Amino acid sequence: MDTRDLSPNTYKAIIQEAADAHKDLALQFGMLAKLSASEADYISKAQQLIALMQGYNDEEVDAIFVENPLSPAGFKGTLSNISNNISNLHT
């Protein structure tokens, strides 16, 4: 699937939220679409990625970004926002 196949709400909740923080973070979530069979699968994979990234140390956070990396606090805050957005998709 492609990011264009996501509903506007899911796209905004995950990819746009990530892009608002940093384009390189949005790429991480955008690449998940290629690995997903459906929107529900994409959301599940996004939740798994968030859980993984929440355990990243400072060096692992820096490795995601090509330039102007997010601060570790900004990174964790953005992940929390995306996670909250995902929770609101199901309500």
PDB file of N, CA and C in Angstrom:
ATOM      1  N   MET A   1       0.843  -1.166   0.000  1.00  0.00           N
ATOM      2  CA  MET A   1       0.000   0.000   0.000  1.00  0.00           C
ATOM      3  C   MET A   1       0.890   1.230   0.000  1.00  0.00           C
ATOM      4  N   ASP A   2       0.311   2.361  -0.271  1.00  0.00           N
ATOM      5  CA  ASP A   2       1.026   3.632  -0.342  1.00  0.00           C
ATOM      6  C   ASP A   2       0.399   4.596   0.664  1.00  0.00           C
ATOM      7  N   THR A   3       1.128   5.625   1.048  1.00  0.00           N
ATOM      8  CA  THR A   3       0.563   6.601   1.988  1.00  0.00           C
ATOM      9  C   THR A   3      -0.696   7.253   1.433  1.00  0.00           C
ATOM     10  N   ARG A   4      -0.814   7.331   0.111  1.00  0.00           N
ATOM     11  CA  ARG A   4      -2.031   7.900  -0.501  1.00  0.00           C
ATOM     12  C   ARG A   4      -3.253   7.039  -0.256  1.00  0.00           C
ATOM     13  N   ASP A   5      -3.037   5.771   0.126  1.00  0.00           N
ATOM     14  CA  ASP A   5      -4.148   4.865   0.397  1.00  0.00           C
ATOM     15  C   ASP A   5      -4.704   5.021   1.812  1.00  0.00           C
ATOM     16  N   LEU A   6      -4.004   5.770   2.658  1.00  0.00           N
ATOM     17  CA  LEU A   6      -4.475   5.984   4.024  1.00  0.00           C
ATOM     18  C   LEU A   6      -5.632   6.976   4.025  1.00  0.00           C
ATOM     19  N   SER A   7      -6.533   6.800   4.964  1.00  0.00           N
ATOM     20  CA  SER A   7      -7.623   7.774   5.100  1.00  0.00           C
ATOM     21  C   SER A   7      -7.016   9.115   5.514  1.00  0.00           C
ATOM     22  N   PRO A   8      -7.696  10.201   5.205  1.00  0.00           N
ATOM     23  CA  PRO A   8      -7.182  11.514   5.619  1.00  0.00           C
ATOM     24  C   PRO A   8      -6.948  11.608   7.130  1.00  0.00           C
ATOM     25  N   ASN A   9      -7.826  11.000   7.916  1.00  0.00           N
ATOM     26  CA  ASN A   9      -7.671  11.054   9.374  1.00  0.00           C
ATOM     27  C   ASN A   9      -6.417  10.325   9.837  1.00  0.00           C
ATOM     28  N   THR A  10      -6.164   9.157   9.281  1.00  0.00           N
ATOM     29  CA  THR A  10      -4.973   8.395   9.662  1.00  0.00           C
ATOM     30  C   THR A  10      -3.714   9.106   9.192  1.00  0.00           C
ATOM     31  N   TYR A  11      -3.745   9.617   7.976  1.00  0.00           N
ATOM     32  CA  TYR A  11      -2.590  10.344   7.452  1.00  0.00           C
ATOM     33  C   TYR A  11      -2.258  11.536   8.354  1.00  0.00           C
ATOM     34  N   LYS A  12      -3.273  12.298   8.711  1.00  0.00           N
ATOM     35  CA  LYS A  12      -3.063  13.476   9.558  1.00  0.00           C
ATOM     36  C   LYS A  12      -2.570  13.070  10.950  1.00  0.00           C
ATOM     37  N   ALA A  13      -3.154  12.036  11.516  1.00  0.00           N
ATOM     38  CA  ALA A  13      -2.822  11.604  12.874  1.00  0.00           C
ATOM     39  C   ALA A  13      -1.392  11.114  13.007  1.00  0.00           C
ATOM     40  N   ILE A  14      -0.877  10.484  11.958  1.00  0.00           N
ATOM     41  CA  ILE A  14       0.442   9.859  12.059  1.00  0.00           C
ATOM     42  C   ILE A  14       1.478  10.612  11.226  1.00  0.00           C
ATOM     43  N   ILE A  15       1.310  10.603   9.942  1.00  0.00           N
ATOM     44  CA  ILE A  15       2.349  11.149   9.066  1.00  0.00           C
ATOM     45  C   ILE A  15       2.440  12.664   9.169  1.00  0.00           C
ATOM     46  N   GLN A  16       1.307  13.353   9.173  1.00  0.00           N
ATOM     47  CA  GLN A  16       1.363  14.806   9.263  1.00  0.00           C
ATOM     48  C   GLN A  16       1.909  15.249  10.613  1.00  0.00           C
ATOM     49  N   GLU A  17       1.516  14.553  11.675  1.00  0.00           N
ATOM     50  CA  GLU A  17       2.046  14.878  13.013  1.00  0.00           C
ATOM     51  C   GLU A  17       3.560  14.707  13.038  1.00  0.00           C
ATOM     52  N   ALA A  18       4.045  13.629  12.440  1.00  0.00           N
ATOM     53  CA  ALA A  18       5.495  13.396  12.374  1.00  0.00           C
ATOM     54  C   ALA A  18       6.169  14.465  11.512  1.00  0.00           C
ATOM     55  N   ALA A  19       5.561  14.799  10.384  1.00  0.00           N
ATOM     56  CA  ALA A  19       6.129  15.797   9.476  1.00  0.00           C
ATOM     57  C   ALA A  19       6.179  17.175  10.112  1.00  0.00           C
ATOM     58  N   ASP A  20       5.194  17.494  10.928  1.00  0.00           N
ATOM     59  CA  ASP A  20       5.187  18.786  11.618  1.00  0.00           C
ATOM     60  C   ASP A  20       6.396  18.910  12.542  1.00  0.00           C
ATOM     61  N   ALA A  21       6.863  17.773  13.062  1.00  0.00           N
ATOM     62  CA  ALA A  21       8.037  17.781  13.939  1.00  0.00           C
ATOM     63  C   ALA A  21       9.328  17.752  13.130  1.00  0.00           C
ATOM     64  N   HIS A  22       9.383  16.864  12.115  1.00  0.00           N
ATOM     65  CA  HIS A  22      10.606  16.732  11.302  1.00  0.00           C
ATOM     66  C   HIS A  22      10.311  15.821  10.114  1.00  0.00           C
ATOM     67  N   LYS A  23      10.759  16.231   8.939  1.00  0.00           N
ATOM     68  CA  LYS A  23      10.494  15.450   7.723  1.00  0.00           C
ATOM     69  C   LYS A  23      11.118  14.057   7.780  1.00  0.00           C
ATOM     70  N   ASP A  24      12.266  13.918   8.441  1.00  0.00           N
ATOM     71  CA  ASP A  24      12.910  12.606   8.527  1.00  0.00           C
ATOM     72  C   ASP A  24      12.104  11.638   9.387  1.00  0.00           C
ATOM     73  N   LEU A  25      11.425  12.155  10.389  1.00  0.00           N
ATOM     74  CA  LEU A  25      10.561  11.302  11.203  1.00  0.00           C
ATOM     75  C   LEU A  25       9.343  10.873  10.389  1.00  0.00           C
ATOM     76  N   ALA A  26       8.815  11.776   9.590  1.00  0.00           N
ATOM     77  CA  ALA A  26       7.687  11.429   8.720  1.00  0.00           C
ATOM     78  C   ALA A  26       8.070  10.326   7.742  1.00  0.00           C
ATOM     79  N   LEU A  27       9.299  10.343   7.264  1.00  0.00           N
ATOM     80  CA  LEU A  27       9.753   9.283   6.353  1.00  0.00           C
ATOM     81  C   LEU A  27       9.711   7.918   7.017  1.00  0.00           C
ATOM     82  N   GLN A  28      10.062   7.865   8.294  1.00  0.00           N
ATOM     83  CA  GLN A  28      10.035   6.597   9.025  1.00  0.00           C
ATOM     84  C   GLN A  28       8.619   6.009   9.021  1.00  0.00           C
ATOM     85  N   PHE A  29       7.647   6.862   9.282  1.00  0.00           N
ATOM     86  CA  PHE A  29       6.262   6.394   9.310  1.00  0.00           C
ATOM     87  C   PHE A  29       5.707   6.185   7.903  1.00  0.00           C
ATOM     88  N   GLY A  30       6.169   6.956   6.959  1.00  0.00           N
ATOM     89  CA  GLY A  30       5.731   6.781   5.582  1.00  0.00           C
ATOM     90  C   GLY A  30       6.178   5.455   4.995  1.00  0.00           C
ATOM     91  N   MET A  31       7.388   5.030   5.332  1.00  0.00           N
ATOM     92  CA  MET A  31       7.903   3.758   4.807  1.00  0.00           C
ATOM     93  C   MET A  31       7.101   2.570   5.293  1.00  0.00           C
ATOM     94  N   LEU A  32       6.450   2.713   6.433  1.00  0.00           N
ATOM     95  CA  LEU A  32       5.620   1.618   6.945  1.00  0.00           C
ATOM     96  C   LEU A  32       4.477   1.258   6.002  1.00  0.00           C
ATOM     97  N   ALA A  33       3.995   2.233   5.276  1.00  0.00           N
ATOM     98  CA  ALA A  33       2.869   1.971   4.374  1.00  0.00           C
ATOM     99  C   ALA A  33       3.234   0.915   3.344  1.00  0.00           C
ATOM    100  N   LYS A  34       4.471   0.967   2.855  1.00  0.00           N
ATOM    101  CA  LYS A  34       4.916  -0.023   1.856  1.00  0.00           C
ATOM    102  C   LYS A  34       4.884  -1.440   2.414  1.00  0.00           C
ATOM    103  N   LEU A  35       5.029  -1.566   3.731  1.00  0.00           N
ATOM    104  CA  LEU A  35       5.069  -2.873   4.386  1.00  0.00           C
ATOM    105  C   LEU A  35       3.701  -3.328   4.890  1.00  0.00           C
ATOM    106  N   SER A  36       2.688  -2.524   4.651  1.00  0.00           N
ATOM    107  CA  SER A  36       1.367  -2.776   5.230  1.00  0.00           C
ATOM    108  C   SER A  36       0.375  -3.258   4.188  1.00  0.00           C
ATOM    109  N   ALA A  37      -0.459  -4.187   4.606  1.00  0.00           N
ATOM    110  CA  ALA A  37      -1.467  -4.752   3.711  1.00  0.00           C
ATOM    111  C   ALA A  37      -2.768  -3.956   3.713  1.00  0.00           C
ATOM    112  N   SER A  38      -2.997  -3.206   4.783  1.00  0.00           N
ATOM    113  CA  SER A  38      -4.245  -2.450   4.925  1.00  0.00           C
ATOM    114  C   SER A  38      -4.001  -1.286   5.877  1.00  0.00           C
ATOM    115  N   GLU A  39      -4.984  -0.426   5.999  1.00  0.00           N
ATOM    116  CA  GLU A  39      -4.861   0.688   6.934  1.00  0.00           C
ATOM    117  C   GLU A  39      -4.758   0.186   8.372  1.00  0.00           C
ATOM    118  N   ALA A  40      -5.543  -0.809   8.711  1.00  0.00           N
ATOM    119  CA  ALA A  40      -5.472  -1.375  10.066  1.00  0.00           C
ATOM    120  C   ALA A  40      -4.080  -1.951  10.340  1.00  0.00           C
ATOM    121  N   ASP A  41      -3.511  -2.614   9.352  1.00  0.00           N
ATOM    122  CA  ASP A  41      -2.158  -3.155   9.485  1.00  0.00           C
ATOM    123  C   ASP A  41      -1.152  -2.021   9.644  1.00  0.00           C
ATOM    124  N   TYR A  42      -1.328  -0.943   8.885  1.00  0.00           N
ATOM    125  CA  TYR A  42      -0.454   0.219   8.990  1.00  0.00           C
ATOM    126  C   TYR A  42      -0.507   0.810  10.401  1.00  0.00           C
ATOM    127  N   ILE A  43      -1.696   0.990  10.930  1.00  0.00           N
ATOM    128  CA  ILE A  43      -1.852   1.553  12.275  1.00  0.00           C
ATOM    129  C   ILE A  43      -1.169   0.659  13.301  1.00  0.00           C
ATOM    130  N   SER A  44      -1.346  -0.634  13.170  1.00  0.00           N
ATOM    131  CA  SER A  44      -0.695  -1.574  14.076  1.00  0.00           C
ATOM    132  C   SER A  44       0.830  -1.460  13.988  1.00  0.00           C
ATOM    133  N   LYS A  45       1.345  -1.390  12.776  1.00  0.00           N
ATOM    134  CA  LYS A  45       2.790  -1.249  12.589  1.00  0.00           C
ATOM    135  C   LYS A  45       3.296   0.090  13.132  1.00  0.00           C
ATOM    136  N   ALA A  46       2.517   1.134  12.985  1.00  0.00           N
ATOM    137  CA  ALA A  46       2.901   2.443  13.522  1.00  0.00           C
ATOM    138  C   ALA A  46       2.986   2.383  15.046  1.00  0.00           C
ATOM    139  N   GLN A  47       2.044   1.704  15.666  1.00  0.00           N
ATOM    140  CA  GLN A  47       2.082   1.545  17.120  1.00  0.00           C
ATOM    141  C   GLN A  47       3.320   0.748  17.549  1.00  0.00           C
ATOM    142  N   GLN A  48       3.659  -0.277  16.787  1.00  0.00           N
ATOM    143  CA  GLN A  48       4.858  -1.067  17.092  1.00  0.00           C
ATOM    144  C   GLN A  48       6.117  -0.221  16.929  1.00  0.00           C
ATOM    145  N   LEU A  49       6.165   0.603  15.891  1.00  0.00           N
ATOM    146  CA  LEU A  49       7.315   1.471  15.670  1.00  0.00           C
ATOM    147  C   LEU A  49       7.453   2.484  16.805  1.00  0.00           C
ATOM    148  N   ILE A  50       6.351   3.043  17.232  1.00  0.00           N
ATOM    149  CA  ILE A  50       6.389   3.990  18.350  1.00  0.00           C
ATOM    150  C   ILE A  50       6.949   3.307  19.592  1.00  0.00           C
ATOM    151  N   ALA A  51       6.459   2.114  19.898  1.00  0.00           N
ATOM    152  CA  ALA A  51       6.944   1.387  21.070  1.00  0.00           C
ATOM    153  C   ALA A  51       8.448   1.137  20.974  1.00  0.00           C
ATOM    154  N   LEU A  52       8.924   0.783  19.798  1.00  0.00           N
ATOM    155  CA  LEU A  52      10.352   0.559  19.594  1.00  0.00           C
ATOM    156  C   LEU A  52      11.135   1.853  19.773  1.00  0.00           C
ATOM    157  N   MET A  53      10.676   2.915  19.122  1.00  0.00           N
ATOM    158  CA  MET A  53      11.388   4.195  19.167  1.00  0.00           C
ATOM    159  C   MET A  53      11.404   4.816  20.556  1.00  0.00           C
ATOM    160  N   GLN A  54      10.387   4.546  21.348  1.00  0.00           N
ATOM    161  CA  GLN A  54      10.353   5.106  22.696  1.00  0.00           C
ATOM    162  C   GLN A  54      11.511   4.592  23.550  1.00  0.00           C
ATOM    163  N   GLY A  55      12.086   3.464  23.151  1.00  0.00           N
ATOM    164  CA  GLY A  55      13.228   2.906  23.873  1.00  0.00           C
ATOM    165  C   GLY A  55      14.576   3.344  23.316  1.00  0.00           C
ATOM    166  N   TYR A  56      14.585   4.180  22.286  1.00  0.00           N
ATOM    167  CA  TYR A  56      15.844   4.619  21.681  1.00  0.00           C
ATOM    168  C   TYR A  56      16.640   5.485  22.643  1.00  0.00           C
ATOM    169  N   ASN A  57      17.963   5.295  22.622  1.00  0.00           N
ATOM    170  CA  ASN A  57      18.836   6.196  23.364  1.00  0.00           C
ATOM    171  C   ASN A  57      19.139   7.411  22.481  1.00  0.00           C
ATOM    172  N   ASP A  58      19.875   8.368  23.021  1.00  0.00           N
ATOM    173  CA  ASP A  58      20.133   9.620  22.298  1.00  0.00           C
ATOM    174  C   ASP A  58      20.830   9.384  20.958  1.00  0.00           C
ATOM    175  N   GLU A  59      21.775   8.458  20.894  1.00  0.00           N
ATOM    176  CA  GLU A  59      22.479   8.174  19.638  1.00  0.00           C
ATOM    177  C   GLU A  59      21.538   7.577  18.595  1.00  0.00           C
ATOM    178  N   GLU A  60      20.651   6.715  19.023  1.00  0.00           N
ATOM    179  CA  GLU A  60      19.690   6.114  18.096  1.00  0.00           C
ATOM    180  C   GLU A  60      18.701   7.160  17.579  1.00  0.00           C
ATOM    181  N   VAL A  61      18.332   8.089  18.430  1.00  0.00           N
ATOM    182  CA  VAL A  61      17.449   9.181  17.998  1.00  0.00           C
ATOM    183  C   VAL A  61      18.175  10.011  16.941  1.00  0.00           C
ATOM    184  N   ASP A  62      19.424  10.392  17.195  1.00  0.00           N
ATOM    185  CA  ASP A  62      20.197  11.195  16.244  1.00  0.00           C
ATOM    186  C   ASP A  62      20.352  10.498  14.898  1.00  0.00           C
ATOM    187  N   ALA A  63      20.446   9.164  14.905  1.00  0.00           N
ATOM    188  CA  ALA A  63      20.671   8.408  13.670  1.00  0.00           C
ATOM    189  C   ALA A  63      19.481   8.478  12.713  1.00  0.00           C
ATOM    190  N   ILE A  64      18.319   8.817  13.195  1.00  0.00           N
ATOM    191  CA  ILE A  64      17.122   8.913  12.353  1.00  0.00           C
ATOM    192  C   ILE A  64      17.182  10.134  11.445  1.00  0.00           C
ATOM    193  N   PHE A  65      17.850  11.174  11.905  1.00  0.00           N
ATOM    194  CA  PHE A  65      17.793  12.469  11.241  1.00  0.00           C
ATOM    195  C   PHE A  65      19.040  12.746  10.406  1.00  0.00           C
ATOM    196  N   VAL A  66      18.821  13.256   9.203  1.00  0.00           N
ATOM    197  CA  VAL A  66      19.916  13.611   8.310  1.00  0.00           C
ATOM    198  C   VAL A  66      20.572  14.897   8.789  1.00  0.00           C
ATOM    199  N   GLU A  67      19.744  15.876   9.135  1.00  0.00           N
ATOM    200  CA  GLU A  67      20.258  17.144   9.653  1.00  0.00           C
ATOM    201  C   GLU A  67      19.251  17.738  10.609  1.00  0.00           C
ATOM    202  N   ASN A  68      19.728  18.619  11.465  1.00  0.00           N
ATOM    203  CA  ASN A  68      18.886  19.279  12.458  1.00  0.00           C
ATOM    204  C   ASN A  68      18.004  18.295  13.221  1.00  0.00           C
ATOM    205  N   PRO A  69      18.623  17.339  13.934  1.00  0.00           N
ATOM    206  CA  PRO A  69      17.814  16.344  14.644  1.00  0.00           C
ATOM    207  C   PRO A  69      16.926  16.975  15.713  1.00  0.00           C
ATOM    208  N   LEU A  70      15.831  16.309  15.981  1.00  0.00           N
ATOM    209  CA  LEU A  70      14.990  16.703  17.104  1.00  0.00           C
ATOM    210  C   LEU A  70      15.751  16.425  18.391  1.00  0.00           C
ATOM    211  N   SER A  71      15.463  17.192  19.400  1.00  0.00           N
ATOM    212  CA  SER A  71      16.018  16.876  20.712  1.00  0.00           C
ATOM    213  C   SER A  71      15.372  15.579  21.187  1.00  0.00           C
ATOM    214  N   PRO A  72      16.051  14.839  22.073  1.00  0.00           N
ATOM    215  CA  PRO A  72      15.403  13.621  22.596  1.00  0.00           C
ATOM    216  C   PRO A  72      14.033  13.897  23.211  1.00  0.00           C
ATOM    217  N   ALA A  73      13.907  15.026  23.914  1.00  0.00           N
ATOM    218  CA  ALA A  73      12.605  15.361  24.509  1.00  0.00           C
ATOM    219  C   ALA A  73      11.569  15.670  23.428  1.00  0.00           C
ATOM    220  N   GLY A  74      11.971  16.384  22.395  1.00  0.00           N
ATOM    221  CA  GLY A  74      11.058  16.686  21.292  1.00  0.00           C
ATOM    222  C   GLY A  74      10.642  15.429  20.542  1.00  0.00           C
ATOM    223  N   PHE A  75      11.581  14.523  20.380  1.00  0.00           N
ATOM    224  CA  PHE A  75      11.329  13.241  19.724  1.00  0.00           C
ATOM    225  C   PHE A  75      10.302  12.440  20.522  1.00  0.00           C
ATOM    226  N   LYS A  76      10.542  12.297  21.819  1.00  0.00           N
ATOM    227  CA  LYS A  76       9.623  11.527  22.670  1.00  0.00           C
ATOM    228  C   LYS A  76       8.249  12.190  22.730  1.00  0.00           C
ATOM    229  N   GLY A  77       8.235  13.525  22.761  1.00  0.00           N
ATOM    230  CA  GLY A  77       6.964  14.242  22.777  1.00  0.00           C
ATOM    231  C   GLY A  77       6.160  14.018  21.506  1.00  0.00           C
ATOM    232  N   THR A  78       6.853  14.024  20.375  1.00  0.00           N
ATOM    233  CA  THR A  78       6.172  13.785  19.102  1.00  0.00           C
ATOM    234  C   THR A  78       5.625  12.363  19.045  1.00  0.00           C
ATOM    235  N   LEU A  79       6.410  11.389  19.512  1.00  0.00           N
ATOM    236  CA  LEU A  79       5.921  10.006  19.545  1.00  0.00           C
ATOM    237  C   LEU A  79       4.677   9.898  20.422  1.00  0.00           C
ATOM    238  N   SER A  80       4.683  10.593  21.533  1.00  0.00           N
ATOM    239  CA  SER A  80       3.526  10.586  22.425  1.00  0.00           C
ATOM    240  C   SER A  80       2.308  11.204  21.739  1.00  0.00           C
ATOM    241  N   ASN A  81       2.526  12.298  21.020  1.00  0.00           N
ATOM    242  CA  ASN A  81       1.422  12.930  20.278  1.00  0.00           C
ATOM    243  C   ASN A  81       0.846  11.986  19.234  1.00  0.00           C
ATOM    244  N   ILE A  82       1.725  11.302  18.499  1.00  0.00           N
ATOM    245  CA  ILE A  82       1.256  10.367  17.467  1.00  0.00           C
ATOM    246  C   ILE A  82       0.471   9.231  18.118  1.00  0.00           C
ATOM    247  N   SER A  83       0.994   8.714  19.217  1.00  0.00           N
ATOM    248  CA  SER A  83       0.303   7.629  19.927  1.00  0.00           C
ATOM    249  C   SER A  83      -1.086   8.079  20.391  1.00  0.00           C
ATOM    250  N   ASN A  84      -1.171   9.286  20.928  1.00  0.00           N
ATOM    251  CA  ASN A  84      -2.476   9.829  21.346  1.00  0.00           C
ATOM    252  C   ASN A  84      -3.407   9.993  20.155  1.00  0.00           C
ATOM    253  N   ASN A  85      -2.858  10.469  19.040  1.00  0.00           N
ATOM    254  CA  ASN A  85      -3.670  10.615  17.825  1.00  0.00           C
ATOM    255  C   ASN A  85      -4.224   9.271  17.379  1.00  0.00           C
ATOM    256  N   ILE A  86      -3.391   8.237  17.430  1.00  0.00           N
ATOM    257  CA  ILE A  86      -3.837   6.898  17.037  1.00  0.00           C
ATOM    258  C   ILE A  86      -4.975   6.441  17.950  1.00  0.00           C
ATOM    259  N   SER A  87      -4.828   6.683  19.243  1.00  0.00           N
ATOM    260  CA  SER A  87      -5.893   6.299  20.183  1.00  0.00           C
ATOM    261  C   SER A  87      -7.195   6.997  19.842  1.00  0.00           C
ATOM    262  N   ASN A  88      -7.108   8.232  19.407  1.00  0.00           N
ATOM    263  CA  ASN A  88      -8.317   8.975  19.056  1.00  0.00           C
ATOM    264  C   ASN A  88      -8.933   8.517  17.730  1.00  0.00           C
ATOM    265  N   LEU A  89      -8.169   7.834  16.899  1.00  0.00           N
ATOM    266  CA  LEU A  89      -8.733   7.296  15.660  1.00  0.00           C
ATOM    267  C   LEU A  89      -9.755   6.213  15.947  1.00  0.00           C
ATOM    268  N   HIS A  90      -9.602   5.531  17.074  1.00  0.00           N
ATOM    269  CA  HIS A  90     -10.448   4.387  17.392  1.00  0.00           C
ATOM    270  C   HIS A  90     -11.655   4.764  18.248  1.00  0.00           C
ATOM    271  N   THR A  91     -11.811   6.060  18.531  1.00  0.00           N
ATOM    272  CA  THR A  91     -12.944   6.456  19.382  1.00  0.00           C
ATOM    273  C   THR A  91     -14.101   6.947  18.559  1.00  0.00           C
TER     274      THR A  91
END
